[in-house]
C-alpha atoms as a PDB file:
ATOM      1  CA  UNK A   1     123.840  89.547  94.587  1.00  0.00           C
ATOM      2  CA  UNK A   2     123.299  88.350  98.143  1.00  0.00           C
ATOM      3  CA  UNK A   3     119.663  88.126  99.143  1.00  0.00           C
ATOM      4  CA  UNK A   4     118.397  87.741 102.683  1.00  0.00           C
ATOM      5  CA  UNK A   5     114.877  86.820 101.503  1.00  0.00           C
ATOM      6  CA  UNK A   6     113.960  84.153  98.954  1.00  0.00           C
ATOM      7  CA  UNK A   7     110.262  85.016  98.731  1.00  0.00           C
ATOM      8  CA  UNK A   8     108.717  88.319  99.781  1.00  0.00           C
ATOM      9  CA  UNK A   9     104.942  87.884 100.129  1.00  0.00           C
ATOM     10  CA  UNK A  10     102.861  91.038  99.821  1.00  0.00           C
ATOM     11  CA  UNK A  11      99.282  91.151 101.074  1.00  0.00           C
ATOM     12  CA  UNK A  12      96.775  88.492 102.015  1.00  0.00           C
ATOM     13  CA  UNK A  13      97.162  88.534 105.812  1.00  0.00           C
ATOM     14  CA  UNK A  14      93.942  88.032 107.721  1.00  0.00           C
ATOM     15  CA  UNK A  15      91.591  85.868 109.723  1.00  0.00           C
ATOM     16  CA  UNK A  16      88.993  83.350 108.556  1.00  0.00           C
ATOM     17  CA  UNK A  17      85.968  81.992 110.362  1.00  0.00           C
ATOM     18  CA  UNK A  18      85.324  78.444 109.170  1.00  0.00           C
ATOM     19  CA  UNK A  19      81.697  77.264 109.022  1.00  0.00           C
ATOM     20  CA  UNK A  20      80.917  73.725 107.861  1.00  0.00           C
ATOM     21  CA  UNK A  21      77.608  73.680 106.006  1.00  0.00           C
ATOM     22  CA  UNK A  22      75.424  70.791 104.801  1.00  0.00           C
ATOM     23  CA  UNK A  23      75.964  71.721 101.160  1.00  0.00           C
ATOM     24  CA  UNK A  24      76.915  74.465  98.714  1.00  0.00           C
ATOM     25  CA  UNK A  25      74.840  76.396  97.935  1.00  0.00           C
ATOM     26  CA  UNK A  26      73.576  76.308 101.516  1.00  0.00           C
ATOM     27  CA  UNK A  27      70.047  74.860 101.663  1.00  0.00           C
ATOM     28  CA  UNK A  28      67.561  77.436 102.879  1.00  0.00           C
ATOM     29  CA  UNK A  29      66.422  76.829 106.440  1.00  0.00           C
ATOM     30  CA  UNK A  30      65.706  78.825 109.566  1.00  0.00           C
ATOM     31  CA  UNK A  31      68.764  77.209 111.156  1.00  0.00           C
ATOM     32  CA  UNK A  32      71.350  74.483 110.674  1.00  0.00           C
ATOM     33  CA  UNK A  33      73.179  72.462 113.312  1.00  0.00           C
ATOM     34  CA  UNK A  34      76.857  72.867 112.414  1.00  0.00           C
ATOM     35  CA  UNK A  35      79.458  70.181 113.007  1.00  0.00           C
ATOM     36  CA  UNK A  36      82.405  69.997 113.624  1.00  0.00           C
ATOM     37  CA  UNK A  37      81.681  73.509 114.825  1.00  0.00           C
ATOM     38  CA  UNK A  38      82.623  77.079 113.970  1.00  0.00           C
ATOM     39  CA  UNK A  39      86.298  77.996 114.288  1.00  0.00           C
ATOM     40  CA  UNK A  40      88.094  81.308 113.830  1.00  0.00           C
ATOM     41  CA  UNK A  41      91.787  81.063 112.944  1.00  0.00           C
ATOM     42  CA  UNK A  42      94.486  83.208 111.407  1.00  0.00           C
ATOM     43  CA  UNK A  43      95.369  82.540 107.798  1.00  0.00           C
ATOM     44  CA  UNK A  44      94.357  83.954 104.429  1.00  0.00           C
ATOM     45  CA  UNK A  45      96.021  83.607 101.036  1.00  0.00           C
ATOM     46  CA  UNK A  46      99.223  85.509 101.783  1.00  0.00           C
ATOM     47  CA  UNK A  47      99.616  83.837 105.156  1.00  0.00           C
ATOM     48  CA  UNK A  48      99.248  80.400 103.584  1.00  0.00           C
ATOM     49  CA  UNK A  49     101.795  81.099 100.835  1.00  0.00           C
ATOM     50  CA  UNK A  50     104.275  82.507 103.358  1.00  0.00           C
ATOM     51  CA  UNK A  51     103.885  79.586 105.773  1.00  0.00           C
ATOM     52  CA  UNK A  52     104.014  76.973 103.010  1.00  0.00           C
ATOM     53  CA  UNK A  53     107.111  78.513 101.418  1.00  0.00           C
ATOM     54  CA  UNK A  54     108.841  78.697 104.791  1.00  0.00           C
ATOM     55  CA  UNK A  55     107.980  75.063 105.536  1.00  0.00           C
ATOM     56  CA  UNK A  56     109.837  74.157 102.328  1.00  0.00           C
ATOM     57  CA  UNK A  57     112.968  75.926 103.505  1.00  0.00           C
ATOM     58  CA  UNK A  58     112.582  79.210 101.610  1.00  0.00           C
ATOM     59  CA  UNK A  59     113.567  82.318 103.534  1.00  0.00           C
ATOM     60  CA  UNK A  60     110.238  84.086 103.569  1.00  0.00           C
ATOM     61  CA  UNK A  61     109.063  87.523 104.664  1.00  0.00           C
ATOM     62  CA  UNK A  62     105.441  88.673 104.763  1.00  0.00           C
ATOM     63  CA  UNK A  63     104.360  92.309 104.395  1.00  0.00           C
ATOM     64  CA  UNK A  64     100.808  93.582 104.783  1.00  0.00           C
ATOM     65  CA  UNK A  65      98.426  95.919 106.587  1.00  0.00           C
ATOM     66  CA  UNK A  66      97.122  94.712 109.968  1.00  0.00           C
ATOM     67  CA  UNK A  67      94.804  96.240 112.516  1.00  0.00           C
ATOM     68  CA  UNK A  68      95.504  96.740 116.189  1.00  0.00           C
ATOM     69  CA  UNK A  69      92.762  94.289 117.054  1.00  0.00           C
ATOM     70  CA  UNK A  70      92.268  90.671 118.203  1.00  0.00           C
ATOM     71  CA  UNK A  71      92.341  89.456 114.595  1.00  0.00           C
ATOM     72  CA  UNK A  72      95.673  91.158 114.008  1.00  0.00           C
ATOM     73  CA  UNK A  73      97.007  89.545 117.176  1.00  0.00           C
ATOM     74  CA  UNK A  74      96.036  86.129 115.790  1.00  0.00           C
ATOM     75  CA  UNK A  75      97.938  86.791 112.561  1.00  0.00           C
ATOM     76  CA  UNK A  76     101.004  88.035 114.426  1.00  0.00           C
ATOM     77  CA  UNK A  77     100.929  84.986 116.712  1.00  0.00           C
ATOM     78  CA  UNK A  78     100.667  82.612 113.744  1.00  0.00           C
ATOM     79  CA  UNK A  79     103.777  84.063 112.113  1.00  0.00           C
ATOM     80  CA  UNK A  80     105.636  84.143 115.413  1.00  0.00           C
ATOM     81  CA  UNK A  81     104.794  80.492 116.137  1.00  0.00           C
ATOM     82  CA  UNK A  82     105.917  79.421 112.650  1.00  0.00           C
ATOM     83  CA  UNK A  83     109.012  81.666 112.711  1.00  0.00           C
ATOM     84  CA  UNK A  84     107.953  83.534 109.556  1.00  0.00           C
ATOM     85  CA  UNK A  85     109.027  87.198 109.678  1.00  0.00           C
ATOM     86  CA  UNK A  86     106.103  89.599 109.360  1.00  0.00           C
ATOM     87  CA  UNK A  87     106.139  93.347 108.805  1.00  0.00           C
ATOM     88  CA  UNK A  88     102.726  94.713 109.746  1.00  0.00           C
ATOM     89  CA  UNK A  89     101.770  98.212 108.575  1.00  0.00           C
ATOM     90  CA  UNK A  90      99.019  99.707 110.802  1.00  0.00           C
ATOM     91  CA  UNK A  91      95.534  99.494 109.292  1.00  0.00           C
ATOM     92  CA  UNK A  92      92.999 101.736 111.104  1.00  0.00           C
ATOM     93  CA  UNK A  93      90.077  99.896 109.461  1.00  0.00           C
ATOM     94  CA  UNK A  94      91.146  96.620 111.081  1.00  0.00           C
ATOM     95  CA  UNK A  95      92.552  93.289 110.004  1.00  0.00           C
ATOM     96  CA  UNK A  96      91.008  91.575 106.979  1.00  0.00           C
ATOM     97  CA  UNK A  97      88.317  89.012 107.836  1.00  0.00           C
ATOM     98  CA  UNK A  98      86.332  86.431 105.923  1.00  0.00           C
ATOM     99  CA  UNK A  99      83.824  83.673 106.564  1.00  0.00           C
ATOM    100  CA  UNK A 100      84.536  80.438 104.707  1.00  0.00           C
ATOM    101  CA  UNK A 101      81.597  78.125 104.110  1.00  0.00           C
ATOM    102  CA  UNK A 102      82.899  74.576 103.651  1.00  0.00           C
ATOM    103  CA  UNK A 103      80.716  71.833 102.162  1.00  0.00           C
ATOM    104  CA  UNK A 104      80.880  68.091 102.898  1.00  0.00           C
ATOM    105  CA  UNK A 105      82.909  67.519  99.714  1.00  0.00           C
ATOM    106  CA  UNK A 106      85.556  70.044 100.772  1.00  0.00           C
ATOM    107  CA  UNK A 107      84.473  72.811  98.401  1.00  0.00           C
ATOM    108  CA  UNK A 108      84.624  76.337  99.795  1.00  0.00           C
ATOM    109  CA  UNK A 109      82.875  79.673  99.418  1.00  0.00           C
ATOM    110  CA  UNK A 110      84.524  82.738 100.982  1.00  0.00           C
ATOM    111  CA  UNK A 111      82.623  85.820 102.143  1.00  0.00           C
ATOM    112  CA  UNK A 112      85.029  88.754 102.570  1.00  0.00           C
ATOM    113  CA  UNK A 113      84.380  91.722 104.841  1.00  0.00           C
ATOM    114  CA  UNK A 114      84.796  94.640 102.428  1.00  0.00           C
ATOM    115  CA  UNK A 115      84.686  97.249 105.211  1.00  0.00           C
ATOM    116  CA  UNK A 116      88.267  96.486 106.296  1.00  0.00           C
ATOM    117  CA  UNK A 117      90.027  97.968 103.301  1.00  0.00           C
ATOM    118  CA  UNK A 118      89.908 101.219 101.383  1.00  0.00           C
ATOM    119  CA  UNK A 119      90.887 102.351  97.891  1.00  0.00           C
ATOM    120  CA  UNK A 120      93.485 104.629  99.467  1.00  0.00           C
ATOM    121  CA  UNK A 121      95.316 101.766 101.201  1.00  0.00           C
ATOM    122  CA  UNK A 122      99.014 101.744 100.342  1.00  0.00           C
ATOM    123  CA  UNK A 123     102.050  99.809 101.472  1.00  0.00           C
ATOM    124  CA  UNK A 124     104.795 102.386 102.158  1.00  0.00           C
ATOM    125  CA  UNK A 125     106.887 102.675  99.002  1.00  0.00           C
ATOM    126  CA  UNK A 126     110.156 103.072 100.910  1.00  0.00           C
ATOM    127  CA  UNK A 127     109.448  99.904 102.892  1.00  0.00           C
ATOM    128  CA  UNK A 128     108.506  97.918  99.775  1.00  0.00           C
ATOM    129  CA  UNK A 129     111.648  99.110  98.024  1.00  0.00           C
ATOM    130  CA  UNK A 130     113.847  98.202 101.000  1.00  0.00           C
ATOM    131  CA  UNK A 131     112.438  94.677 101.329  1.00  0.00           C
ATOM    132  CA  UNK A 132     112.490  94.104  97.558  1.00  0.00           C
ATOM    133  CA  UNK A 133     116.178  95.024  97.433  1.00  0.00           C
ATOM    134  CA  UNK A 134     116.864  92.099  99.780  1.00  0.00           C
ATOM    135  CA  UNK A 135     114.612  89.609  97.955  1.00  0.00           C
ATOM    136  CA  UNK A 136     114.990  87.131  95.117  1.00  0.00           C
ATOM    137  CA  UNK A 137     111.295  86.988  94.317  1.00  0.00           C
ATOM    138  CA  UNK A 138     108.008  88.651  95.280  1.00  0.00           C
ATOM    139  CA  UNK A 139     104.635  86.913  95.422  1.00  0.00           C
ATOM    140  CA  UNK A 140     101.866  89.509  95.254  1.00  0.00           C
ATOM    141  CA  UNK A 141      98.371  88.776  96.554  1.00  0.00           C
ATOM    142  CA  UNK A 142      95.557  90.586  94.745  1.00  0.00           C
ATOM    143  CA  UNK A 143      94.376  92.514  97.804  1.00  0.00           C
ATOM    144  CA  UNK A 144      93.882  96.253  97.354  1.00  0.00           C
ATOM    145  CA  UNK A 145      97.170  97.831  98.513  1.00  0.00           C
ATOM    146  CA  UNK A 146      99.362  95.476  96.518  1.00  0.00           C
ATOM    147  CA  UNK A 147      98.557  96.838  93.058  1.00  0.00           C
ATOM    148  CA  UNK A 148     100.320 100.077  93.983  1.00  0.00           C
ATOM    149  CA  UNK A 149     103.460  98.116  94.925  1.00  0.00           C
ATOM    150  CA  UNK A 150     103.862  96.439  91.530  1.00  0.00           C
ATOM    151  CA  UNK A 151     105.782  99.293  89.814  1.00  0.00           C
ATOM    152  CA  UNK A 152     108.142  99.511  92.804  1.00  0.00           C
ATOM    153  CA  UNK A 153     108.838  95.779  92.599  1.00  0.00           C
ATOM    154  CA  UNK A 154     109.463  96.040  88.870  1.00  0.00           C
ATOM    155  CA  UNK A 155     111.964  98.854  89.441  1.00  0.00           C
ATOM    156  CA  UNK A 156     113.717  96.758  92.091  1.00  0.00           C
ATOM    157  CA  UNK A 157     114.288  94.015  89.519  1.00  0.00           C
ATOM    158  CA  UNK A 158     112.755  91.103  91.437  1.00  0.00           C
ATOM    159  CA  UNK A 159     110.724  88.488  89.616  1.00  0.00           C
ATOM    160  CA  UNK A 160     107.025  88.616  90.473  1.00  0.00           C
ATOM    161  CA  UNK A 161     104.304  86.002  90.794  1.00  0.00           C
ATOM    162  CA  UNK A 162     100.631  86.462  91.548  1.00  0.00           C
ATOM    163  CA  UNK A 163      97.513  84.347  91.984  1.00  0.00           C
ATOM    164  CA  UNK A 164      94.344  85.595  90.264  1.00  0.00           C
ATOM    165  CA  UNK A 165      92.255  82.933  92.050  1.00  0.00           C
ATOM    166  CA  UNK A 166      88.850  82.451  90.397  1.00  0.00           C
ATOM    167  CA  UNK A 167      89.242  85.258  87.849  1.00  0.00           C
ATOM    168  CA  UNK A 168      86.661  85.134  85.081  1.00  0.00           C
ATOM    169  CA  UNK A 169      89.159  86.434  82.524  1.00  0.00           C
ATOM    170  CA  UNK A 170      87.362  89.765  82.217  1.00  0.00           C
ATOM    171  CA  UNK A 171      87.319  91.651  85.542  1.00  0.00           C
ATOM    172  CA  UNK A 172      89.683  94.622  84.982  1.00  0.00           C
ATOM    173  CA  UNK A 173      90.825  94.663  88.621  1.00  0.00           C
ATOM    174  CA  UNK A 174      92.818  91.456  88.101  1.00  0.00           C
ATOM    175  CA  UNK A 175      94.277  92.623  84.796  1.00  0.00           C
ATOM    176  CA  UNK A 176      96.869  94.860  86.468  1.00  0.00           C
ATOM    177  CA  UNK A 177      98.289  91.927  88.396  1.00  0.00           C
ATOM    178  CA  UNK A 178      98.120  89.596  85.399  1.00  0.00           C
ATOM    179  CA  UNK A 179     100.092  91.966  83.164  1.00  0.00           C
ATOM    180  CA  UNK A 180     102.842  92.791  85.663  1.00  0.00           C
ATOM    181  CA  UNK A 181     103.752  89.288  86.877  1.00  0.00           C
ATOM    182  CA  UNK A 182     106.401  86.989  85.411  1.00  0.00           C
ATOM    183  CA  UNK A 183     104.553  83.947  86.757  1.00  0.00           C
ATOM    184  CA  UNK A 184     100.757  83.875  86.967  1.00  0.00           C
ATOM    185  CA  UNK A 185      98.601  81.360  88.831  1.00  0.00           C
ATOM    186  CA  UNK A 186      94.822  81.215  88.572  1.00  0.00           C
ATOM    187  CA  UNK A 187      91.987  78.778  89.053  1.00  0.00           C
ATOM    188  CA  UNK A 188      90.167  77.339  86.054  1.00  0.00           C
ATOM    189  CA  UNK A 189      86.918  77.207  88.062  1.00  0.00           C
ATOM    190  CA  UNK A 190      85.321  80.293  86.475  1.00  0.00           C
ATOM    191  CA  UNK A 191      86.788  79.887  82.977  1.00  0.00           C
ATOM    192  CA  UNK A 192      84.864  78.522  80.008  1.00  0.00           C
ATOM    193  CA  UNK A 193      88.089  78.321  78.008  1.00  0.00           C
ATOM    194  CA  UNK A 194      91.200  78.174  80.247  1.00  0.00           C
ATOM    195  CA  UNK A 195      93.546  78.016  77.251  1.00  0.00           C
ATOM    196  CA  UNK A 196      92.229  81.250  75.764  1.00  0.00           C
ATOM    197  CA  UNK A 197      92.570  83.061  79.083  1.00  0.00           C
ATOM    198  CA  UNK A 198      96.069  81.705  79.684  1.00  0.00           C
ATOM    199  CA  UNK A 199      97.186  82.691  76.200  1.00  0.00           C
ATOM    200  CA  UNK A 200      95.696  86.135  76.719  1.00  0.00           C
ATOM    201  CA  UNK A 201      97.668  86.610  79.944  1.00  0.00           C
ATOM    202  CA  UNK A 202     100.900  85.572  78.259  1.00  0.00           C
ATOM    203  CA  UNK A 203     100.195  87.625  75.154  1.00  0.00           C
ATOM    204  CA  UNK A 204      99.234  90.893  76.848  1.00  0.00           C
ATOM    205  CA  UNK A 205     101.647  90.863  79.773  1.00  0.00           C
ATOM    206  CA  UNK A 206     105.084  89.835  80.973  1.00  0.00           C
ATOM    207  CA  UNK A 207     104.270  86.292  82.089  1.00  0.00           C
ATOM    208  CA  UNK A 208     106.727  83.618  80.985  1.00  0.00           C
ATOM    209  CA  UNK A 209     104.683  80.929  82.719  1.00  0.00           C
ATOM    210  CA  UNK A 210     100.909  80.717  83.337  1.00  0.00           C
ATOM    211  CA  UNK A 211      99.336  77.978  85.444  1.00  0.00           C
ATOM    212  CA  UNK A 212      95.611  77.270  85.741  1.00  0.00           C
ATOM    213  CA  UNK A 213      94.808  74.878  88.569  1.00  0.00           C
ATOM    214  CA  UNK A 214      91.812  72.631  88.013  1.00  0.00           C
ATOM    215  CA  UNK A 215      91.257  70.794  91.295  1.00  0.00           C
ATOM    216  CA  UNK A 216      90.855  67.051  90.854  1.00  0.00           C
ATOM    217  CA  UNK A 217      91.666  67.481  87.152  1.00  0.00           C
ATOM    218  CA  UNK A 218      95.177  68.691  87.989  1.00  0.00           C
ATOM    219  CA  UNK A 219      96.462  71.824  86.273  1.00  0.00           C
ATOM    220  CA  UNK A 220      97.223  73.365  82.894  1.00  0.00           C
ATOM    221  CA  UNK A 221     100.669  74.813  82.270  1.00  0.00           C
ATOM    222  CA  UNK A 222     101.543  77.318  79.546  1.00  0.00           C
ATOM    223  CA  UNK A 223     105.300  77.745  79.130  1.00  0.00           C
ATOM    224  CA  UNK A 224     107.430  78.468  76.075  1.00  0.00           C
ATOM    225  CA  UNK A 225     104.358  78.395  73.844  1.00  0.00           C
ATOM    226  CA  UNK A 226     103.433  74.867  74.894  1.00  0.00           C
ATOM    227  CA  UNK A 227     100.238  73.968  76.706  1.00  0.00           C
ATOM    228  CA  UNK A 228     100.595  70.979  79.010  1.00  0.00           C
ATOM    229  CA  UNK A 229      98.054  69.153  81.127  1.00  0.00           C
ATOM    230  CA  UNK A 230      99.518  68.072  84.457  1.00  0.00           C
ATOM    231  CA  UNK A 231      97.474  65.327  86.134  1.00  0.00           C
ATOM    232  CA  UNK A 232      96.485  65.740  89.754  1.00  0.00           C
ATOM    233  CA  UNK A 233      98.686  64.066  92.338  1.00  0.00           C
ATOM    234  CA  UNK A 234      97.289  61.354  94.565  1.00  0.00           C
ATOM    235  CA  UNK A 235      96.326  62.770  98.002  1.00  0.00           C
ATOM    236  CA  UNK A 236      98.134  61.039 100.894  1.00  0.00           C
ATOM    237  CA  UNK A 237      94.889  60.856 102.913  1.00  0.00           C
ATOM    238  CA  UNK A 238      91.156  61.458 102.391  1.00  0.00           C
ATOM    239  CA  UNK A 239      90.263  64.865 100.933  1.00  0.00           C
ATOM    240  CA  UNK A 240      88.494  66.996 103.536  1.00  0.00           C
ATOM    241  CA  UNK A 241      88.938  70.616 102.455  1.00  0.00           C
ATOM    242  CA  UNK A 242      90.217  72.570  99.459  1.00  0.00           C
ATOM    243  CA  UNK A 243      91.034  75.671 101.511  1.00  0.00           C
ATOM    244  CA  UNK A 244      94.645  76.712 100.917  1.00  0.00           C
ATOM    245  CA  UNK A 245      95.283  74.183  98.144  1.00  0.00           C
ATOM    246  CA  UNK A 246      96.030  76.852  95.547  1.00  0.00           C
ATOM    247  CA  UNK A 247      98.376  78.639  97.938  1.00  0.00           C
ATOM    248  CA  UNK A 248     100.206  75.383  98.668  1.00  0.00           C
ATOM    249  CA  UNK A 249     100.474  74.728  94.913  1.00  0.00           C
ATOM    250  CA  UNK A 250     101.977  78.194  94.357  1.00  0.00           C
ATOM    251  CA  UNK A 251     104.492  77.846  97.203  1.00  0.00           C
ATOM    252  CA  UNK A 252     105.738  74.441  96.029  1.00  0.00           C
ATOM    253  CA  UNK A 253     105.900  75.615  92.420  1.00  0.00           C
ATOM    254  CA  UNK A 254     107.963  78.630  93.522  1.00  0.00           C
ATOM    255  CA  UNK A 255     110.289  76.425  95.557  1.00  0.00           C
ATOM    256  CA  UNK A 256     111.085  74.290  92.515  1.00  0.00           C
ATOM    257  CA  UNK A 257     111.207  77.324  90.205  1.00  0.00           C
ATOM    258  CA  UNK A 258     113.740  79.127  92.394  1.00  0.00           C
ATOM    259  CA  UNK A 259     115.824  75.944  92.384  1.00  0.00           C
ATOM    260  CA  UNK A 260     116.000  76.167  88.591  1.00  0.00           C
ATOM    261  CA  UNK A 261     113.639  73.271  87.833  1.00  0.00           C
ATOM    262  CA  UNK A 262     111.830  73.298  84.446  1.00  0.00           C
ATOM    263  CA  UNK A 263     108.194  74.440  84.533  1.00  0.00           C
ATOM    264  CA  UNK A 264     106.658  70.968  84.158  1.00  0.00           C
ATOM    265  CA  UNK A 265     108.550  69.713  87.244  1.00  0.00           C
ATOM    266  CA  UNK A 266     107.562  72.858  89.130  1.00  0.00           C
ATOM    267  CA  UNK A 267     103.925  72.078  88.309  1.00  0.00           C
ATOM    268  CA  UNK A 268     104.387  68.508  89.537  1.00  0.00           C
ATOM    269  CA  UNK A 269     105.652  69.863  92.857  1.00  0.00           C
ATOM    270  CA  UNK A 270     102.602  72.115  92.948  1.00  0.00           C
ATOM    271  CA  UNK A 271     100.110  69.307  92.393  1.00  0.00           C
ATOM    272  CA  UNK A 272     101.702  67.247  95.172  1.00  0.00           C
ATOM    273  CA  UNK A 273     101.570  70.130  97.662  1.00  0.00           C
ATOM    274  CA  UNK A 274      98.026  71.027  96.614  1.00  0.00           C
ATOM    275  CA  UNK A 275      96.859  67.438  97.099  1.00  0.00           C
ATOM    276  CA  UNK A 276      98.424  67.401 100.552  1.00  0.00           C
ATOM    277  CA  UNK A 277      96.662  70.652 101.483  1.00  0.00           C
ATOM    278  CA  UNK A 278      93.288  69.106 100.587  1.00  0.00           C
ATOM    279  CA  UNK A 279      93.794  66.540 103.357  1.00  0.00           C
ATOM    280  CA  UNK A 280      94.230  69.242 106.025  1.00  0.00           C
ATOM    281  CA  UNK A 281      91.052  70.549 107.704  1.00  0.00           C
ATOM    282  CA  UNK A 282      90.493  74.257 107.109  1.00  0.00           C
ATOM    283  CA  UNK A 283      90.616  74.845 110.851  1.00  0.00           C
ATOM    284  CA  UNK A 284      94.386  74.135 110.703  1.00  0.00           C
ATOM    285  CA  UNK A 285      97.298  75.680 108.816  1.00  0.00           C
ATOM    286  CA  UNK A 286      99.593  72.683 108.324  1.00  0.00           C
ATOM    287  CA  UNK A 287     101.908  72.662 105.288  1.00  0.00           C
ATOM    288  CA  UNK A 288     103.840  69.898 103.590  1.00  0.00           C
ATOM    289  CA  UNK A 289     107.522  69.769 104.554  1.00  0.00           C
ATOM    290  CA  UNK A 290     110.455  69.555 102.167  1.00  0.00           C
ATOM    291  CA  UNK A 291     111.293  65.893 102.864  1.00  0.00           C
ATOM    292  CA  UNK A 292     107.635  64.897 102.397  1.00  0.00           C
ATOM    293  CA  UNK A 293     107.386  66.913  99.193  1.00  0.00           C
ATOM    294  CA  UNK A 294     110.508  65.373  97.682  1.00  0.00           C
ATOM    295  CA  UNK A 295     109.411  61.855  98.560  1.00  0.00           C
ATOM    296  CA  UNK A 296     105.903  62.376  97.179  1.00  0.00           C
ATOM    297  CA  UNK A 297     107.219  63.950  93.956  1.00  0.00           C
ATOM    298  CA  UNK A 298     109.559  60.998  93.445  1.00  0.00           C
ATOM    299  CA  UNK A 299     106.659  58.585  93.979  1.00  0.00           C
ATOM    300  CA  UNK A 300     104.431  60.513  91.550  1.00  0.00           C
ATOM    301  CA  UNK A 301     107.189  60.444  88.932  1.00  0.00           C
ATOM    302  CA  UNK A 302     107.629  56.702  89.407  1.00  0.00           C
ATOM    303  CA  UNK A 303     103.889  56.071  89.011  1.00  0.00           C
ATOM    304  CA  UNK A 304     103.628  58.301  85.961  1.00  0.00           C
ATOM    305  CA  UNK A 305     106.549  56.605  84.276  1.00  0.00           C
ATOM    306  CA  UNK A 306     104.781  53.332  84.902  1.00  0.00           C
ATOM    307  CA  UNK A 307     101.585  54.688  83.341  1.00  0.00           C
ATOM    308  CA  UNK A 308      99.595  54.272  86.558  1.00  0.00           C
ATOM    309  CA  UNK A 309      97.974  57.718  86.646  1.00  0.00           C
ATOM    310  CA  UNK A 310      94.448  58.206  85.389  1.00  0.00           C
ATOM    311  CA  UNK A 311      95.601  59.984  82.240  1.00  0.00           C
ATOM    312  CA  UNK A 312      98.624  57.732  81.742  1.00  0.00           C
ATOM    313  CA  UNK A 313     100.939  60.387  80.363  1.00  0.00           C
ATOM    314  CA  UNK A 314     101.074  64.123  79.954  1.00  0.00           C
ATOM    315  CA  UNK A 315      99.329  65.636  76.986  1.00  0.00           C
ATOM    316  CA  UNK A 316     101.295  68.262  75.065  1.00  0.00           C
ATOM    317  CA  UNK A 317     100.351  70.446  72.148  1.00  0.00           C
ATOM    318  CA  UNK A 318     101.796  73.548  70.565  1.00  0.00           C
ATOM    319  CA  UNK A 319      99.767  76.720  70.867  1.00  0.00           C
ATOM    320  CA  UNK A 320     100.175  79.948  68.997  1.00  0.00           C
ATOM    321  CA  UNK A 321     100.905  83.406  70.405  1.00  0.00           C
ATOM    322  CA  UNK A 322      98.275  85.115  72.505  1.00  0.00           C
ATOM    323  CA  UNK A 323      95.919  87.687  70.995  1.00  0.00           C
END
C-alpha cells in the first residue's frame, strides 16, 4: 500500500508560556525576579513530536483542534515555518495553553488551562478516517478529543503509539490510550514500580512494546517478554531543560521502528534524541536532525561496546506475562 504520510500525529497542538523559577517547588515569596525572562512560544507535546519526526525525514501530518486566536496563529506559523502539514479543526474555546515552570536544573512543571477544552470535543470521524487511510502510523496524544479517534484508527488498520507522560498507573483516563496502542511510552517519574506498570500495560492491552523513560537513568524497555534497561545517552552540550525530551525520544524511536530496527536499537535512538532535547532551551523548538542522530547513535554504540557507559552494558532479564 502506498502511504503519503509516515506519521499522523493527533492532538497536542498548543502554546506554552515559559517561566524560569528559582526552584521547584517555587519558594514562597511576594515576588521573584525572573531571568532569562518570560517567553510565550508555540509548541506542546503533539507539536514537538510532529516537528521532531519531520526533522528526521518522516513525512508527518498533524491534526488537532485550534482556536481562531493569537495562540492558534502561533501554532499555524510554527508548522508553516517548519514545513509540517497541519490540519486545524476550529475550536470555539480557543487554542490549548499552558504555563511551564522551569527550575535551574532543567526540571519542569506544566500548568494547563483546562477551560480550553470540553468533554464533547471531537475530531471529525470522516477526517480522521481519510488521513488514517493515507498513513503508516498514528501517534495519539492523550488530549481530550483523541480518545474518540482511537476506534477509527484501529478500523483503518494503522499502528498506533501514545505517550502516557507521568501516568501514575491508576488514573482511568489514561487506560483507554494504554490499551489501544501498539507502542506505549510513559515516564517513570510517578511510578513506584515501573516494571509492574509496564507489564500491566502489555498484559491488559495491545502493546507489543512499552517504554518507560527515566531521565538521567535512561529508559526501561519491555519487548517480547524481556525487560531491558537502556542507559541514558551522553548529552552533546550542558543540560538546560527537559521540556520536549520525551517527545524527542518518541519521535526518534518511531523513526527507527518504522525503518524495521529492533526495539533495543529504537530505544537507543530515543535516548540520543532525548539527550539532545535536554540541551535546547524551552524557549526554542529545535530538533535533532537525521545526520546528527545517526552519528550520535554510532558513537553511543562504540562507547557501549567499549564499556565506557556508566552501567557498562545493558541489563536483561526475563519477565513473566502481565496480570
